[in-house]
Protein backbone atom coordinates (compact mmCIF):
# COMPACT_ATOMS: atom_id res chain seq x y z
CA MET A 1 0.00 0.00 0.00
CA LYS A 2 2.78 2.41 0.95
CA SER A 3 4.57 1.65 -2.33
CA SER A 4 1.37 2.35 -4.26
CA LEU A 5 0.89 5.67 -2.48
CA ARG A 6 4.48 6.67 -3.21
CA ARG A 7 3.96 5.95 -6.92
CA THR A 8 0.73 7.98 -6.88
CA LEU A 9 2.41 10.92 -5.20
CA LYS A 10 5.30 10.85 -7.70
CA THR A 11 2.83 10.82 -10.60
CA ILE A 12 0.90 13.78 -9.17
CA SER A 13 4.12 15.68 -8.49
CA ALA A 14 5.27 15.18 -12.09
CA ALA A 15 1.92 16.31 -13.44
CA THR A 16 2.00 19.40 -11.23
CA MET A 17 5.48 20.33 -12.45
CA ALA A 18 4.43 19.83 -16.07
CA ALA A 19 1.40 22.07 -15.58
CA GLY A 20 3.61 24.72 -14.01
CA LEU A 21 6.03 24.61 -16.92
CA LEU A 22 3.17 24.90 -19.38
CA ALA A 23 1.81 27.91 -17.52
CA PHE A 24 5.27 29.50 -17.56
CA GLY A 25 5.56 28.77 -21.27
CA VAL A 26 2.28 30.56 -21.99
CA THR A 27 3.47 33.59 -20.02
CA ALA A 28 6.89 33.61 -21.65
CA ALA A 29 5.42 33.31 -25.12
CA SER A 30 3.28 36.38 -24.40
CA ALA A 31 6.37 38.49 -23.68
CA HIS A 32 6.23 40.02 -27.16
CA VAL A 33 4.12 42.73 -28.71
CA HIS A 34 1.53 40.60 -30.49
CA VAL A 35 -1.91 41.03 -32.03
CA ASP A 36 -5.14 39.12 -31.40
CA PRO A 37 -7.89 39.55 -34.04
CA ASP A 38 -11.44 38.63 -33.05
CA ASP A 39 -12.37 37.77 -36.66
CA THR A 40 -10.14 36.95 -39.62
CA ALA A 41 -12.74 36.49 -42.38
CA ALA A 42 -11.79 38.10 -45.69
CA GLY A 43 -13.94 41.01 -46.80
CA GLY A 44 -15.04 41.81 -43.26
CA TYR A 45 -14.18 43.96 -40.28
CA THR A 46 -12.35 42.96 -37.10
CA HIS A 47 -11.15 44.20 -33.75
CA LEU A 48 -7.38 43.94 -33.27
CA THR A 49 -5.98 43.89 -29.74
CA PHE A 50 -2.26 44.59 -29.35
CA ASN A 51 -0.84 43.35 -26.03
CA VAL A 52 2.26 45.31 -25.09
CA PRO A 53 4.44 44.12 -22.18
CA ASN A 54 7.17 46.23 -20.63
CA GLU A 55 10.43 44.28 -20.98
CA SER A 56 12.85 46.80 -19.47
CA ALA A 57 14.10 46.47 -15.90
CA THR A 58 14.88 50.17 -15.61
CA ALA A 59 12.56 52.12 -17.94
CA LYS A 60 8.86 52.41 -18.73
CA THR A 61 7.05 52.19 -22.06
CA ASN A 62 5.61 55.57 -23.06
CA LYS A 63 4.85 55.20 -26.77
CA LEU A 64 3.64 52.59 -29.26
CA GLU A 65 3.42 52.95 -33.03
CA VAL A 66 1.77 50.29 -35.22
CA THR A 67 2.35 50.42 -38.97
CA LEU A 68 -0.64 49.45 -41.12
CA PRO A 69 -0.37 47.67 -44.49
CA THR A 70 -0.26 49.75 -47.67
CA ASP A 71 -0.48 46.92 -50.23
CA THR A 72 -3.80 45.75 -48.72
CA PRO A 73 -4.83 48.95 -46.91
CA PHE A 74 -7.61 49.31 -44.36
CA THR A 75 -10.22 51.84 -45.48
CA SER A 76 -11.68 52.04 -41.96
CA VAL A 77 -9.67 52.43 -38.74
CA SER A 78 -11.03 53.51 -35.36
CA VAL A 79 -9.31 53.49 -31.98
CA LYS A 80 -10.55 52.28 -28.61
CA PRO A 81 -9.63 54.93 -26.00
CA VAL A 82 -7.06 53.94 -23.35
CA GLU A 83 -6.96 55.97 -20.13
CA GLY A 84 -3.91 58.19 -19.98
CA TRP A 85 -2.94 57.56 -23.60
CA THR A 86 -3.58 59.76 -26.65
CA ALA A 87 -3.99 58.07 -30.04
CA GLN A 88 -3.41 59.48 -33.51
CA VAL A 89 -4.35 57.78 -36.79
CA ILE A 90 -1.94 58.86 -39.53
CA ILE A 91 -3.37 59.11 -43.08
CA ALA A 92 -0.90 58.92 -45.98
CA ASP A 93 -0.75 58.54 -49.75
CA LEU A 94 -0.40 54.92 -50.86
CA PRO A 95 2.67 53.93 -52.94
CA LYS A 96 0.21 53.09 -55.72
CA PRO A 97 -3.60 53.06 -56.09
CA VAL A 98 -5.30 49.95 -54.72
CA THR A 99 -8.80 48.62 -55.41
CA VAL A 100 -10.72 47.74 -52.26
CA ALA A 101 -14.26 46.35 -52.56
CA GLY A 102 -14.54 47.79 -56.05
CA THR A 103 -13.30 51.26 -55.09
CA THR A 104 -9.94 52.72 -56.07
CA VAL A 105 -8.09 53.94 -52.98
CA THR A 106 -5.15 56.38 -53.13
CA LYS A 107 -4.99 57.38 -49.44
CA ALA A 108 -5.45 55.24 -46.33
CA PRO A 109 -4.48 55.03 -42.66
CA SER A 110 -0.77 54.18 -42.60
CA SER A 111 -0.10 53.98 -38.85
CA VAL A 112 -1.52 54.53 -35.37
CA VAL A 113 0.53 56.18 -32.62
CA TRP A 114 -0.31 55.93 -28.92
CA THR A 115 1.50 58.22 -26.43
CA ALA A 116 1.21 57.98 -22.62
CA ASP A 117 1.11 60.69 -20.03
CA ALA A 118 3.58 60.38 -17.14
CA ALA A 119 1.07 58.68 -14.84
CA HIS A 120 0.05 55.91 -17.25
CA GLN A 121 3.33 54.67 -18.71
CA ILE A 122 3.77 50.88 -18.68
CA GLY A 123 6.06 49.91 -15.81
CA GLN A 124 8.01 46.82 -14.83
CA ASN A 125 5.95 43.58 -14.77
CA GLU A 126 3.06 45.41 -16.46
CA TYR A 127 1.41 45.33 -19.86
CA GLN A 128 -1.24 47.35 -21.67
CA ALA A 129 -3.78 46.42 -24.34
CA PHE A 130 -4.46 48.70 -27.32
CA ALA A 131 -7.43 47.99 -29.60
CA LEU A 132 -8.40 48.98 -33.13
CA SER A 133 -11.48 48.35 -35.23
CA VAL A 134 -10.35 47.88 -38.85
CA GLY A 135 -11.54 46.77 -42.26
CA ILE A 136 -11.86 45.73 -44.97
CA LEU A 137 -9.75 42.56 -44.56
CA PRO A 138 -7.98 41.31 -47.71
CA ASP A 139 -8.45 38.00 -49.55
CA ALA A 140 -8.31 34.70 -47.66
CA GLY A 141 -4.78 33.42 -47.07
CA THR A 142 -3.24 36.90 -46.88
CA THR A 143 -0.74 37.47 -44.08
CA VAL A 144 -1.50 40.85 -42.56
CA THR A 145 1.72 42.12 -40.97
CA LEU A 146 1.56 44.99 -38.49
CA PRO A 147 5.08 46.03 -37.44
CA ALA A 148 5.22 47.81 -34.09
CA SER A 149 7.70 50.22 -32.55
CA GLN A 150 7.88 50.37 -28.73
CA THR A 151 9.54 53.39 -27.11
CA TYR A 152 10.90 53.50 -23.55
CA THR A 153 11.45 56.48 -21.25
CA ASP A 154 15.23 56.05 -21.45
CA GLY A 155 15.10 56.62 -25.21
CA THR A 156 15.37 52.95 -26.20
CA ILE A 157 13.23 51.96 -29.19
CA VAL A 158 12.43 48.29 -29.79
CA LYS A 159 11.17 47.47 -33.27
CA TRP A 160 8.89 44.43 -33.55
CA ASP A 161 9.29 44.02 -37.29
CA GLU A 162 11.04 40.73 -38.01
CA LYS A 163 9.29 38.25 -40.30
CA THR A 164 8.33 34.87 -38.86
CA VAL A 165 9.00 31.97 -41.24
CA GLU A 166 7.08 28.74 -40.73
CA GLY A 167 9.36 25.88 -39.74
CA GLN A 168 12.13 28.20 -38.55
CA THR A 169 12.98 29.50 -35.10
CA GLU A 170 10.94 32.54 -34.13
CA PRO A 171 13.00 35.74 -34.43
CA GLU A 172 13.84 37.82 -31.38
CA HIS A 173 11.42 40.61 -32.33
CA PRO A 174 8.66 39.11 -34.49
CA ALA A 175 6.21 41.49 -36.14
CA PRO A 176 2.59 41.12 -35.00
CA SER A 177 0.64 39.38 -37.76
CA PHE A 178 -2.34 37.18 -38.61
CA VAL A 179 -3.65 35.32 -41.65
CA THR A 180 -7.06 36.00 -43.16
CA THR A 181 -9.52 33.14 -43.59
CA ALA A 182 -12.41 32.32 -45.93
CA LYS A 183 -15.05 34.98 -46.48
CA ASP A 184 -18.20 34.77 -44.38
CA THR A 185 -21.47 34.05 -46.16
CA GLU A 186 -22.79 37.45 -45.16
CA THR A 187 -20.39 40.28 -44.37
CA THR A 188 -21.65 43.70 -43.39
CA ALA A 189 -19.85 46.89 -42.44
CA PRO A 190 -20.07 47.96 -38.80
CA THR A 191 -22.70 50.57 -38.02
CA SER A 192 -21.54 54.03 -37.02
CA SER A 193 -22.36 53.29 -33.39
CA ALA A 194 -20.42 50.01 -33.49
CA ALA A 195 -17.42 51.74 -35.00
CA ALA A 196 -17.57 54.43 -32.34
CA THR A 197 -17.84 51.96 -29.46
CA PRO A 198 -15.72 48.90 -30.22
CA ALA A 199 -15.06 48.37 -26.49
CA PRO A 200 -17.11 45.16 -25.89
CA ALA A 201 -15.46 43.11 -28.64
CA ALA A 202 -12.01 44.52 -27.88
CA ALA A 203 -12.46 43.75 -24.19
CA THR A 204 -13.48 40.19 -25.06
CA ALA A 205 -10.34 39.69 -27.10
CA SER A 206 -8.16 40.98 -24.27
CA ALA A 207 -9.93 38.87 -21.66
CA GLY A 208 -9.50 35.79 -23.82
CA ASP A 209 -5.76 36.21 -23.82
CA GLY A 210 -5.60 36.53 -20.03
CA GLY A 211 -8.10 33.70 -19.55
CA SER A 212 -5.82 31.23 -21.31
CA THR A 213 -2.96 31.98 -18.93
CA ALA A 214 -5.26 31.93 -15.91
CA GLY A 215 -6.54 28.50 -16.97
CA TRP A 216 -3.05 27.00 -16.81
CA PHE A 217 -2.44 28.42 -13.35
CA GLY A 218 -5.82 27.07 -12.23
CA LEU A 219 -4.84 23.60 -13.45
CA ALA A 220 -1.52 23.76 -11.58
CA ALA A 221 -3.25 24.90 -8.38
CA GLY A 222 -5.78 22.06 -8.63
CA LEU A 223 -3.07 19.44 -9.03
CA ILE A 224 -1.16 20.85 -6.06
CA GLY A 225 -4.31 20.61 -3.95
CA LEU A 226 -4.85 17.01 -5.04
CA ALA A 227 -1.28 16.12 -4.11
CA ALA A 228 -1.74 17.65 -0.66
CA GLY A 229 -4.91 15.64 -0.10
CA VAL A 230 -3.28 12.35 -1.02
CA THR A 231 -0.33 13.14 1.29
CA ALA A 232 -2.68 13.82 4.19
CA LEU A 233 -4.49 10.53 3.54
CA ALA A 234 -1.20 8.64 3.59
CA ARG A 235 -0.24 10.18 6.94
CA THR A 236 -3.57 9.39 8.62
CA ARG A 237 -4.03 5.81 7.31
CA PRO A 238 -3.36 3.31 10.16
CA ALA A 239 -0.46 0.96 9.75
CA LYS A 240 -1.09 -2.77 9.26
CA GLY A 241 -1.58 -4.70 12.47
CA ASN A 242 -3.21 -1.78 14.43
């Protein structure tokens, strides 16, 4: 019986360690500026949430600039307000005219710049989420790359603009990106009120990212509790012959 209990405890301990490593891996993988779209269907509109962690031990993040595509430009870009941050959508001439949904486009949003006031800069062990409502998404199978530039209070600028190649090691500073999928059966443009208040969908996207990490920590905590219960049972079980 004692041998069986020892084997059980070892198995639970191993599972707990594995869960902890998985949880750490999720957190570590999030230590990049990355983008989470809530819909990737071609021809439609989506909310993009950029999660920006502070990776400096001595400085704070006070500015973020996201570059928007010009070969497959967005004709609609609106910004979700972030407390303590001002946002500016930059409109620029395209390198060449592009046809979007049957319309020839010569100008489009080229970047979005967020700047923090002194009280809302991103500090050590902190991150901030920045959300956009954009459209129209390009054809299915298109990789939409959104290079980001992160500025710190000590003057350091980190450019998240390196291309990720499938099958190769991820670069040190990968550019945020996503791939569009097949067009929905019915795709409609957002109403003016939806475009003006993209908060619910953007908040859902942000919560989904945090929920995944929280789930792993919940699993690890549950396994630790189970291990403690089995240990207590082993200590209280009477020995043979009593």
